[in-house]
Each structure stands twice: as C-alpha cells, then as structure tokens.
Amino acid sequence: MIEKEKPRLARLTAIITQLQSGRLVTARSLAQQHGVSIRTIYRDIRTLEQSGIPIVTEEGKGYSLVEGYKLPPVMFSEAEANALITAEQLILQNQDQSLAEQYRSAITKIKSVLKYAQQEKTELLAERMQIRTPRQPQKTSHHLINLQSAITNYQVIELDYLSLQGERSQRSVEPFALYSTQGNWILVAHCRLRNGFRAFRLDCIQSLQITDEQFEPYPMTLAEYFEQYRKKYFSTPDTPLSPSLPNLGSNQNHLTMETVKIDPFQIIGIAVRTTNANDQAATDIANLWSKFMTEGVLDQIPNKVDQTVYSLYTDYEGDHTHPYTTVLGCRVASLDTIPEGMVGKSFEGGKYVRTSAKGDLTQGLVVNQWSKIWAADLDRRYTADFEAFGAKARNPQDAEVDFFVAVN
C-alpha cells in the first residue's frame, strides 16, 4: 500500500540530494523511500531532466548525476542540524585523534551553511549536551583517516607494530577493512609476513608508512571475511546453559562420565554476565563467541599455556537458572598482564566430572550435551564449570569437546 505522497517539490529536492550522495540510485529504492509508485519516480526524473539537471540513466541499474556536477548546498532542518551536533559529541569521544580532528573540520564547514538562527541554536545545544563515559577518554591512535585512504586506494602499508604481549615487529600489510569495538579501532589486513589475514589494533601501531605500491583488491566483503574467520577456527558453538532444551528421551542413557581432579588454574579472556531468563544467555554468549573470534582475542591473550579455548561458567548466584558469568579465554601462566577489555580469573580446581561429546557443532552438539548433564543425578557445586575446545574441536563438522562439571 502506497503511503501518503509527500509534496512534490519536497520530494524532487530530496531526490536531487540522494543523487548527489551516491553513485547509483534505483527507481525502486526511491519509490519505497518516498512512498510513491515507480511510475511516479519515472515522471519525477523526467521533470528534473527537463529542468536542466544532468541525470545519467544506466539501464537496469539506476540513476546518477553527471560526474563533477554539483548543486548549491542544501539547507539543513533543525532536527538534522541537531543530529550533526550530537554526532560531533560522540565522535569526539572516539580514541582516534585523526577522526576527531577531521570531523571537527568537516562540521565547521557544515555549520557555515546553516542559517544564522540555526547556528545560534546549535551552539547552545553543544553547550548543553555532554557524553559521559566511565573514564576520561584518551586518544590512543592517530591513524584511522590515513588507513581509510589506504583501503580505498589499495595501497600497501608498512607497520611498526607492538603487540599487547610486548612483541615488536615490522609488517608489510595490504589493508582490507576497519571496525571499532570497545572504543578501539581494529585494522583487518593481509599480512605478508604471516601470509594471511590478521587483525591489528590501531593503538598498537607505533608508526606507519603508506607506500606507492598497490595490491590487487580482495573479492570479498567484510561480512564474508568474518564468516571465513569463523570457519577457519571453529564455528560458534551452540549456547550452553539455555532453558530451551529438546526432549531428551532415551538419549539420557548415553552420557559417559568419569571423575577427575582439576588442579588450580588461571584464565584470561573476555566475559559477560548473563542469565538464562527469557533466553538472554542465548544472545549474550553467542555475541561473546562472535567477538572472541572476529576480534582475534585468542592472539591477544598474553602468557598462554596452549591454544585450547575454554568456555567457563562461574560466579553462579545459585544453580544454572540463576545469573552467572561466562568467560571465553585460555589458560595462562600468569595474571600479571591483563589486556584492556579482558578479565583474569583464578580457580581453585577440585573434584570434577568429565564427559565428552563428538559430532557437528552446528547441529546442537554443545547444548544437547549440557541437557544430558542437567538430567544426570550429579551433586553439583556450582563454582566453575567449563568446556574445552582443543585441537579436536577445530573441525566444526567433526568436533570433540570435553565438558567439566564441578561436584562435591
């Protein structure tokens, strides 16, 4: 059903703005955005062409303006001006100095085209608005804008990189993408030294040089990169400790256990406080796994004993129906160095029941095994339970995972 049509003049002005903002705009997308028929958009395009706007039509693709053609700046509404001022406050909190500087320069130019009354209001709003953070934001990098340019121009970069573990190296990389998490910017690039894609924190880059050498663009999207990363290591296991469990039936009889003693150990990783109420854990733990894999947390954990990944459940407020903490990480030799954004935990070990499951991680292997554990008659302690994803868990279609449950 077509929405109520906007005044035609307002719609024509909006279409011109959209044509200036992107290379190609389809008639279908314009029709959907403005709540009119595609036939109406065709008429609008003809009207604009007849008024002298040089519109290029690419059959089967869409419309664009002739390259180099620009119209005078459009006027901003009060709401749009306020949104820009709000964005300025948010970006100034970012930890990359170059982004803050360039945005401040851009917003100054934008403010110059505002009406005098709008300028007064935006200045007032800027004075009356503040973004509060738990700690005073610090600028930890100054490379974002240069890296953006290198990505779009396919230029090789030379990096002087100091890892969170204090290891310094010289890297020649082919930049692919950037993403931000926890206020930190991450560069995804193909590292020629390691002959593979790696994630580099911008605050760990000591210096960089953009060379004149260009590389062949990689034929994939950032989303496809993340998917390849997940497949390379292991697929996100099904979330354990979820109340939405299948009917076990006779499968309860196939749980093989043995009692073992676990020595005290230490772990560093990322954590989330969650609860099984309303399936909240299903979302929280899945997001935690996604962050662990896409951000290369495994490579950033210092003093690792080995490459085994632990999914640990601790700090229970009761049994598994009460809130608890999930930690994804690795055993470490020391908790002396805990990277920002991670947690360190010490555990007393003790008496545990160990059980293993083998099969396809993508077909409910983990959650089905936990459901069997819950159905078993165990005198549980609810101190710290965990899964261990070792070398045998790297193939998600044929994985073997060990489960450890604390008992009295």
Protein backbone atom coordinates (compact mmCIF):
# COMPACT_ATOMS: atom_id res chain seq x y z
CA MET A 1 0.00 0.00 0.00
CA ILE A 2 1.42 3.37 -1.06
CA GLU A 3 1.91 5.82 1.79
CA LYS A 4 0.54 9.34 1.60
CA GLU A 5 2.56 11.18 -1.04
CA LYS A 6 4.93 13.93 0.03
CA PRO A 7 4.54 17.39 -1.55
CA ARG A 8 6.14 17.04 -4.98
CA LEU A 9 8.60 19.90 -4.54
CA ALA A 10 9.92 18.40 -1.31
CA ARG A 11 10.23 15.01 -3.00
CA LEU A 12 12.08 16.41 -6.01
CA THR A 13 14.51 18.23 -3.73
CA ALA A 14 15.10 15.05 -1.74
CA ILE A 15 15.74 13.06 -4.93
CA ILE A 16 18.36 15.58 -6.05
CA THR A 17 20.07 15.27 -2.66
CA GLN A 18 20.09 11.48 -2.95
CA LEU A 19 21.52 11.63 -6.47
CA GLN A 20 24.36 13.78 -5.14
CA SER A 21 25.07 11.48 -2.20
CA GLY A 22 25.60 8.21 -4.06
CA ARG A 23 26.80 6.88 -7.39
CA LEU A 24 23.65 4.97 -8.34
CA VAL A 25 20.10 5.23 -7.02
CA THR A 26 17.38 2.86 -8.27
CA ALA A 27 13.82 3.89 -9.06
CA ARG A 28 12.55 1.15 -6.76
CA SER A 29 14.54 2.41 -3.76
CA LEU A 30 13.35 5.99 -4.41
CA ALA A 31 9.74 4.83 -4.68
CA GLN A 32 9.96 2.89 -1.42
CA GLN A 33 11.61 5.74 0.45
CA HIS A 34 9.11 8.38 -0.68
CA GLY A 35 6.02 6.21 -0.59
CA VAL A 36 5.09 6.60 -4.25
CA SER A 37 4.88 4.33 -7.28
CA ILE A 38 7.81 3.61 -9.56
CA ARG A 39 5.85 5.28 -12.36
CA THR A 40 5.77 8.47 -10.27
CA ILE A 41 9.54 8.33 -9.85
CA TYR A 42 9.95 7.99 -13.62
CA ARG A 43 7.90 11.19 -14.04
CA ASP A 44 9.98 12.95 -11.36
CA ILE A 45 13.23 12.01 -13.11
CA ARG A 46 11.91 13.34 -16.44
CA THR A 47 10.88 16.59 -14.71
CA LEU A 48 14.36 17.04 -13.25
CA GLU A 49 15.99 16.34 -16.62
CA GLN A 50 13.72 18.88 -18.31
CA SER A 51 14.72 21.48 -15.70
CA GLY A 52 18.39 21.08 -16.64
CA ILE A 53 19.63 18.57 -14.05
CA PRO A 54 22.13 16.31 -15.90
CA ILE A 55 20.95 12.85 -14.83
CA VAL A 56 22.62 9.73 -16.23
CA THR A 57 20.43 6.64 -16.63
CA GLU A 58 22.11 3.23 -16.57
CA GLU A 59 19.62 0.69 -17.86
CA GLY A 60 18.80 -1.95 -15.30
CA LYS A 61 20.98 -0.29 -12.65
CA GLY A 62 19.73 3.17 -11.73
CA TYR A 63 20.36 6.89 -11.87
CA SER A 64 23.26 9.18 -11.07
CA LEU A 65 24.36 12.75 -11.70
CA VAL A 66 26.96 13.58 -14.35
CA GLU A 67 30.36 13.38 -12.66
CA GLY A 68 31.54 16.78 -11.47
CA TYR A 69 28.10 18.36 -11.44
CA LYS A 70 27.24 19.93 -8.09
CA LEU A 71 24.27 21.92 -6.86
CA PRO A 72 24.49 24.66 -4.22
CA PRO A 73 24.46 23.33 -0.62
CA VAL A 74 21.05 22.25 0.62
CA MET A 75 19.70 23.73 3.83
CA PHE A 76 19.52 21.58 6.95
CA SER A 77 16.41 21.25 9.04
CA GLU A 78 16.68 21.97 12.76
CA ALA A 79 16.45 18.24 13.55
CA GLU A 80 19.21 17.43 11.03
CA ALA A 81 21.45 20.17 12.47
CA ASN A 82 20.88 18.81 15.99
CA ALA A 83 21.75 15.29 14.82
CA LEU A 84 25.07 16.59 13.44
CA ILE A 85 25.92 18.29 16.73
CA THR A 86 25.10 15.08 18.62
CA ALA A 87 27.31 13.08 16.27
CA GLU A 88 30.12 15.56 16.91
CA GLN A 89 29.92 14.93 20.67
CA LEU A 90 30.02 11.16 20.11
CA ILE A 91 32.93 11.26 17.68
CA LEU A 92 34.99 13.50 19.96
CA GLN A 93 34.84 10.64 22.49
CA ASN A 94 36.46 8.29 19.97
CA GLN A 95 40.00 7.20 20.76
CA ASP A 96 41.44 8.03 17.34
CA GLN A 97 42.78 11.59 17.16
CA SER A 98 42.70 11.82 13.36
CA LEU A 99 38.98 11.02 13.23
CA ALA A 100 38.18 13.67 15.83
CA GLU A 101 40.26 16.29 14.02
CA GLN A 102 38.81 15.62 10.57
CA TYR A 103 35.23 15.51 11.82
CA ARG A 104 35.69 18.77 13.69
CA SER A 105 36.98 20.34 10.46
CA ALA A 106 34.05 18.94 8.48
CA ILE A 107 31.42 20.04 10.99
CA THR A 108 32.84 23.56 10.93
CA LYS A 109 32.24 23.71 7.19
CA ILE A 110 28.75 22.29 7.62
CA LYS A 111 27.90 24.88 10.27
CA SER A 112 28.94 27.63 7.87
CA VAL A 113 25.95 26.89 5.60
CA LEU A 114 23.41 26.94 8.42
CA LYS A 115 21.10 29.86 8.80
CA TYR A 116 22.11 32.37 11.48
CA ALA A 117 19.25 31.27 13.76
CA GLN A 118 20.29 27.63 13.34
CA GLN A 119 23.89 28.48 14.18
CA GLU A 120 22.81 30.06 17.45
CA LYS A 121 20.73 27.01 18.34
CA THR A 122 23.48 24.51 17.52
CA GLU A 123 25.97 26.46 19.64
CA LEU A 124 23.51 26.44 22.52
CA LEU A 125 22.87 22.71 22.11
CA ALA A 126 26.61 21.97 22.04
CA GLU A 127 26.99 23.79 25.36
CA ARG A 128 24.03 21.96 26.91
CA MET A 129 24.98 18.42 25.91
CA GLN A 130 27.70 16.14 27.21
CA ILE A 131 28.55 12.48 26.62
CA ARG A 132 29.58 10.89 29.93
CA THR A 133 31.87 7.88 29.97
CA PRO A 134 33.15 5.69 32.85
CA ARG A 135 36.63 7.13 32.40
CA GLN A 136 38.14 10.13 30.73
CA PRO A 137 38.58 9.23 27.05
CA GLN A 138 42.15 9.26 25.82
CA LYS A 139 43.36 9.46 22.25
CA THR A 140 45.35 6.28 21.72
CA SER A 141 45.85 6.36 17.94
CA HIS A 142 46.21 8.82 15.10
CA HIS A 143 46.00 6.57 12.06
CA LEU A 144 42.35 5.98 11.19
CA ILE A 145 41.97 8.58 8.44
CA ASN A 146 45.23 7.57 6.71
CA LEU A 147 44.23 3.91 6.86
CA GLN A 148 40.84 4.68 5.33
CA SER A 149 42.61 6.28 2.40
CA ALA A 150 44.96 3.31 2.00
CA ILE A 151 41.99 0.91 1.98
CA THR A 152 40.14 2.77 -0.76
CA ASN A 153 43.30 3.24 -2.86
CA TYR A 154 44.60 -0.34 -2.36
CA GLN A 155 47.99 0.81 -1.08
CA VAL A 156 50.46 -1.39 0.79
CA ILE A 157 51.32 -0.18 4.30
CA GLU A 158 54.49 -0.67 6.31
CA LEU A 159 53.76 -1.03 10.04
CA ASP A 160 55.90 -0.82 13.15
CA TYR A 161 53.68 -2.88 15.45
CA LEU A 162 53.91 -3.55 19.19
CA SER A 163 51.53 -6.32 20.27
CA LEU A 164 49.73 -6.39 23.61
CA GLN A 165 52.23 -9.07 24.63
CA GLY A 166 55.09 -6.61 24.08
CA GLU A 167 56.34 -8.27 20.87
CA ARG A 168 57.58 -5.75 18.31
CA SER A 169 57.60 -6.49 14.59
CA GLN A 170 57.80 -4.81 11.20
CA ARG A 171 54.86 -5.73 8.98
CA SER A 172 54.09 -5.15 5.33
CA VAL A 173 50.30 -5.40 5.01
CA GLU A 174 47.53 -5.00 2.46
CA PRO A 175 44.72 -3.16 4.29
CA PHE A 176 41.25 -4.62 3.85
CA ALA A 177 38.80 -3.20 6.40
CA LEU A 178 38.32 -1.35 9.70
CA TYR A 179 35.92 -1.90 12.56
CA SER A 180 35.51 -0.46 16.04
CA THR A 181 34.83 -2.21 19.33
CA GLN A 182 35.05 -1.05 22.94
CA GLY A 183 36.26 2.33 21.64
CA ASN A 184 39.26 0.75 19.89
CA TRP A 185 39.71 0.60 16.12
CA ILE A 186 40.88 -2.65 14.50
CA LEU A 187 42.57 -2.91 11.10
CA VAL A 188 41.94 -6.12 9.14
CA ALA A 189 44.77 -6.64 6.67
CA HIS A 190 46.58 -9.35 4.75
CA CYS A 191 49.97 -9.66 6.43
CA ARG A 192 52.76 -10.57 4.04
CA LEU A 193 54.95 -11.73 6.93
CA ARG A 194 52.34 -14.25 8.15
CA ASN A 195 50.87 -14.87 4.68
CA GLY A 196 47.33 -14.47 5.93
CA PHE A 197 44.76 -12.04 7.27
CA ARG A 198 45.46 -10.57 10.68
CA ALA A 199 43.76 -8.06 12.98
CA PHE A 200 45.85 -5.09 14.16
CA ARG A 201 44.78 -2.73 16.94
CA LEU A 202 45.39 0.87 15.91
CA ASP A 203 46.59 1.78 19.40
CA CYS A 204 49.36 -0.81 19.00
CA ILE A 205 50.67 0.72 15.77
CA GLN A 206 53.82 2.65 16.66
CA SER A 207 54.19 4.16 13.22
CA LEU A 208 53.04 3.51 9.67
CA GLN A 209 54.04 4.44 6.17
CA ILE A 210 51.69 4.30 3.21
CA THR A 211 53.72 3.20 0.18
CA ASP A 212 53.14 3.83 -3.52
CA GLU A 213 52.82 0.09 -4.11
CA GLN A 214 49.30 -1.06 -4.90
CA PHE A 215 47.82 -4.53 -4.49
CA GLU A 216 45.00 -6.42 -6.16
CA PRO A 217 41.68 -5.89 -4.32
CA TYR A 218 40.31 -8.88 -2.43
CA PRO A 219 37.00 -10.11 -3.92
CA MET A 220 35.06 -10.40 -0.66
CA THR A 221 33.07 -8.31 1.78
CA LEU A 222 33.85 -7.71 5.45
CA ALA A 223 30.95 -9.99 6.38
CA GLU A 224 32.46 -12.75 4.23
CA TYR A 225 35.81 -12.24 5.95
CA PHE A 226 34.21 -12.72 9.36
CA GLU A 227 32.49 -15.87 8.12
CA GLN A 228 35.77 -17.27 6.78
CA TYR A 229 37.44 -16.49 10.12
CA ARG A 230 34.77 -18.43 11.98
CA LYS A 231 35.17 -21.42 9.68
CA LYS A 232 38.95 -21.32 9.96
CA TYR A 233 38.96 -21.74 13.71
CA PHE A 234 35.66 -23.28 14.74
CA SER A 235 32.04 -22.42 14.35
CA THR A 236 30.30 -20.66 17.20
CA PRO A 237 29.20 -23.48 19.49
CA ASP A 238 25.56 -23.66 20.44
CA THR A 239 24.95 -21.71 23.59
CA PRO A 240 25.01 -23.98 26.64
CA LEU A 241 23.01 -23.39 29.78
CA SER A 242 19.91 -22.39 27.82
CA PRO A 243 16.47 -23.40 29.14
CA SER A 244 15.15 -24.09 25.63
CA LEU A 245 16.13 -27.75 25.57
CA PRO A 246 14.90 -30.61 23.41
CA ASN A 247 13.15 -33.64 24.82
CA LEU A 248 15.97 -35.98 25.73
CA GLY A 249 14.15 -39.26 25.91
CA SER A 250 16.46 -42.24 25.80
CA ASN A 251 19.49 -40.07 24.97
CA GLN A 252 19.97 -39.50 28.72
CA ASN A 253 21.36 -43.01 28.96
CA HIS A 254 24.26 -42.27 26.63
CA LEU A 255 26.15 -39.89 28.93
CA THR A 256 29.53 -41.39 29.86
CA MET A 257 31.32 -39.71 32.77
CA GLU A 258 34.48 -40.07 34.77
CA THR A 259 35.60 -38.33 37.94
CA VAL A 260 38.82 -36.33 37.66
CA LYS A 261 40.82 -33.92 39.75
CA ILE A 262 41.42 -30.47 38.26
CA ASP A 263 44.43 -28.56 39.52
CA PRO A 264 44.09 -24.82 40.21
CA PHE A 265 44.48 -22.73 37.08
CA GLN A 266 44.26 -19.19 35.78
CA ILE A 267 42.48 -17.89 32.72
CA ILE A 268 42.41 -14.63 30.75
CA GLY A 269 39.66 -13.82 28.30
CA ILE A 270 36.53 -11.80 27.67
CA ALA A 271 33.41 -12.13 29.81
CA VAL A 272 29.72 -11.39 30.04
CA ARG A 273 27.31 -11.51 32.95
CA THR A 274 24.13 -13.20 31.84
CA THR A 275 21.08 -15.19 32.83
CA ASN A 276 19.02 -17.92 31.23
CA ALA A 277 15.81 -15.98 31.91
CA ASN A 278 13.98 -15.14 28.68
CA ASP A 279 16.77 -16.85 26.70
CA GLN A 280 19.08 -13.90 27.43
CA ALA A 281 22.10 -16.21 27.61
CA ALA A 282 21.46 -17.41 24.07
CA THR A 283 22.06 -13.87 22.82
CA ASP A 284 24.82 -12.83 25.25
CA ILE A 285 27.03 -15.89 24.85
CA ALA A 286 26.61 -16.05 21.09
CA ASN A 287 27.72 -12.40 20.90
CA LEU A 288 30.67 -13.18 23.16
CA TRP A 289 31.80 -16.01 20.85
CA SER A 290 31.41 -13.73 17.85
CA LYS A 291 33.55 -11.06 19.49
CA PHE A 292 36.16 -13.61 20.55
CA MET A 293 36.62 -14.88 17.01
CA THR A 294 36.19 -11.78 14.87
CA GLU A 295 38.46 -9.63 17.05
CA GLY A 296 41.23 -12.18 17.27
CA VAL A 297 41.07 -12.34 21.08
CA LEU A 298 42.94 -15.65 21.05
CA ASP A 299 46.03 -13.97 19.60
CA GLN A 300 45.88 -11.12 22.13
CA ILE A 301 45.91 -13.20 25.33
CA PRO A 302 49.36 -12.99 26.97
CA ASN A 303 51.23 -15.85 28.65
CA LYS A 304 49.05 -18.60 27.14
CA VAL A 305 49.81 -22.14 28.22
CA ASP A 306 48.40 -23.51 24.94
CA GLN A 307 45.84 -22.73 22.23
CA THR A 308 42.91 -24.52 23.87
CA VAL A 309 39.89 -22.24 24.25
CA TYR A 310 37.83 -22.51 27.43
CA SER A 311 34.19 -21.56 27.77
CA LEU A 312 33.88 -21.18 31.50
CA TYR A 313 30.77 -20.59 33.65
CA THR A 314 31.31 -19.17 37.10
CA ASP A 315 30.12 -16.74 39.78
CA TYR A 316 26.76 -18.52 39.99
CA GLU A 317 24.12 -16.89 42.17
CA GLY A 318 22.51 -20.30 42.59
CA ASP A 319 22.05 -23.15 40.12
CA HIS A 320 22.02 -22.74 36.35
CA THR A 321 18.64 -20.99 36.46
CA HIS A 322 20.24 -18.02 38.25
CA PRO A 323 22.65 -15.35 36.87
CA TYR A 324 26.23 -16.38 36.18
CA THR A 325 29.33 -15.19 34.31
CA THR A 326 30.66 -16.68 31.09
CA VAL A 327 34.36 -16.28 30.29
CA LEU A 328 35.91 -17.19 26.93
CA GLY A 329 39.67 -17.41 27.04
CA CYS A 330 42.79 -19.51 27.57
CA ARG A 331 44.75 -20.86 30.46
CA VAL A 332 47.72 -18.64 31.26
CA ALA A 333 50.91 -18.93 33.26
CA SER A 334 50.37 -15.57 34.96
CA LEU A 335 47.77 -12.89 35.54
CA ASP A 336 50.40 -10.17 35.75
CA THR A 337 49.35 -8.70 32.39
CA ILE A 338 45.65 -8.48 31.61
CA PRO A 339 44.88 -6.54 28.41
CA GLU A 340 42.31 -3.77 28.49
CA GLY A 341 38.82 -5.14 27.90
CA MET A 342 39.71 -8.61 29.22
CA VAL A 343 39.38 -10.27 32.62
CA GLY A 344 41.61 -12.59 34.59
CA LYS A 345 40.30 -15.38 36.82
CA SER A 346 41.91 -17.78 39.29
CA PHE A 347 40.16 -21.06 40.11
CA GLU A 348 40.77 -23.48 42.91
CA GLY A 349 40.20 -26.63 40.86
CA GLY A 350 38.98 -29.67 42.74
CA LYS A 351 36.73 -32.63 42.03
CA TYR A 352 35.09 -32.66 38.59
CA VAL A 353 33.07 -34.95 36.40
CA ARG A 354 34.35 -35.07 32.83
CA THR A 355 32.32 -36.06 29.82
CA SER A 356 32.94 -35.68 26.11
CA ALA A 357 30.77 -35.19 23.08
CA LYS A 358 31.66 -35.74 19.44
CA GLY A 359 29.78 -34.55 16.38
CA ASP A 360 28.71 -31.44 14.49
CA LEU A 361 28.95 -28.20 16.47
CA THR A 362 26.45 -26.57 14.13
CA GLN A 363 23.82 -29.20 14.89
CA GLY A 364 23.39 -28.72 18.63
CA LEU A 365 26.31 -30.75 19.95
CA VAL A 366 27.05 -28.48 22.92
CA VAL A 367 23.52 -27.71 24.06
CA ASN A 368 22.47 -31.35 23.75
CA GLN A 369 25.38 -32.45 25.93
CA TRP A 370 24.53 -29.87 28.59
CA SER A 371 20.95 -31.05 28.61
CA LYS A 372 22.18 -34.56 29.36
CA ILE A 373 24.38 -33.21 32.16
CA TRP A 374 21.40 -31.43 33.69
CA ALA A 375 19.34 -34.60 33.55
CA ALA A 376 22.07 -36.62 35.26
CA ASP A 377 21.97 -37.15 39.03
CA LEU A 378 25.03 -35.08 39.95
CA ASP A 379 25.83 -33.45 43.29
CA ARG A 380 27.00 -30.21 41.67
CA ARG A 381 28.92 -27.44 43.41
CA TYR A 382 28.16 -24.55 41.02
CA THR A 383 31.58 -23.00 41.47
CA ALA A 384 33.05 -23.17 37.97
CA ASP A 385 32.10 -25.44 35.07
CA PHE A 386 33.68 -25.32 31.66
CA GLU A 387 34.10 -26.71 28.17
CA ALA A 388 37.49 -27.18 26.49
CA PHE A 389 37.81 -26.61 22.74
CA GLY A 390 41.16 -28.08 21.79
CA ALA A 391 42.69 -29.24 18.53
CA LYS A 392 39.95 -31.85 18.08
CA ALA A 393 37.32 -29.10 18.01
CA ARG A 394 38.80 -27.19 15.08
CA ASN A 395 36.69 -29.03 12.50
CA PRO A 396 33.12 -27.94 13.34
CA GLN A 397 31.55 -30.83 11.41
CA ASP A 398 33.58 -33.44 13.29
CA ALA A 399 34.45 -31.86 16.62
CA GLU A 400 35.21 -33.38 20.00
CA VAL A 401 34.59 -31.23 23.06
CA ASP A 402 35.34 -32.01 26.73
CA PHE A 403 32.89 -30.87 29.44
CA PHE A 404 33.90 -30.44 33.09
CA VAL A 405 31.32 -30.12 35.89
CA ALA A 406 32.30 -29.30 39.47
CA VAL A 407 30.89 -31.79 42.01
CA ASN A 408 31.09 -32.35 45.76
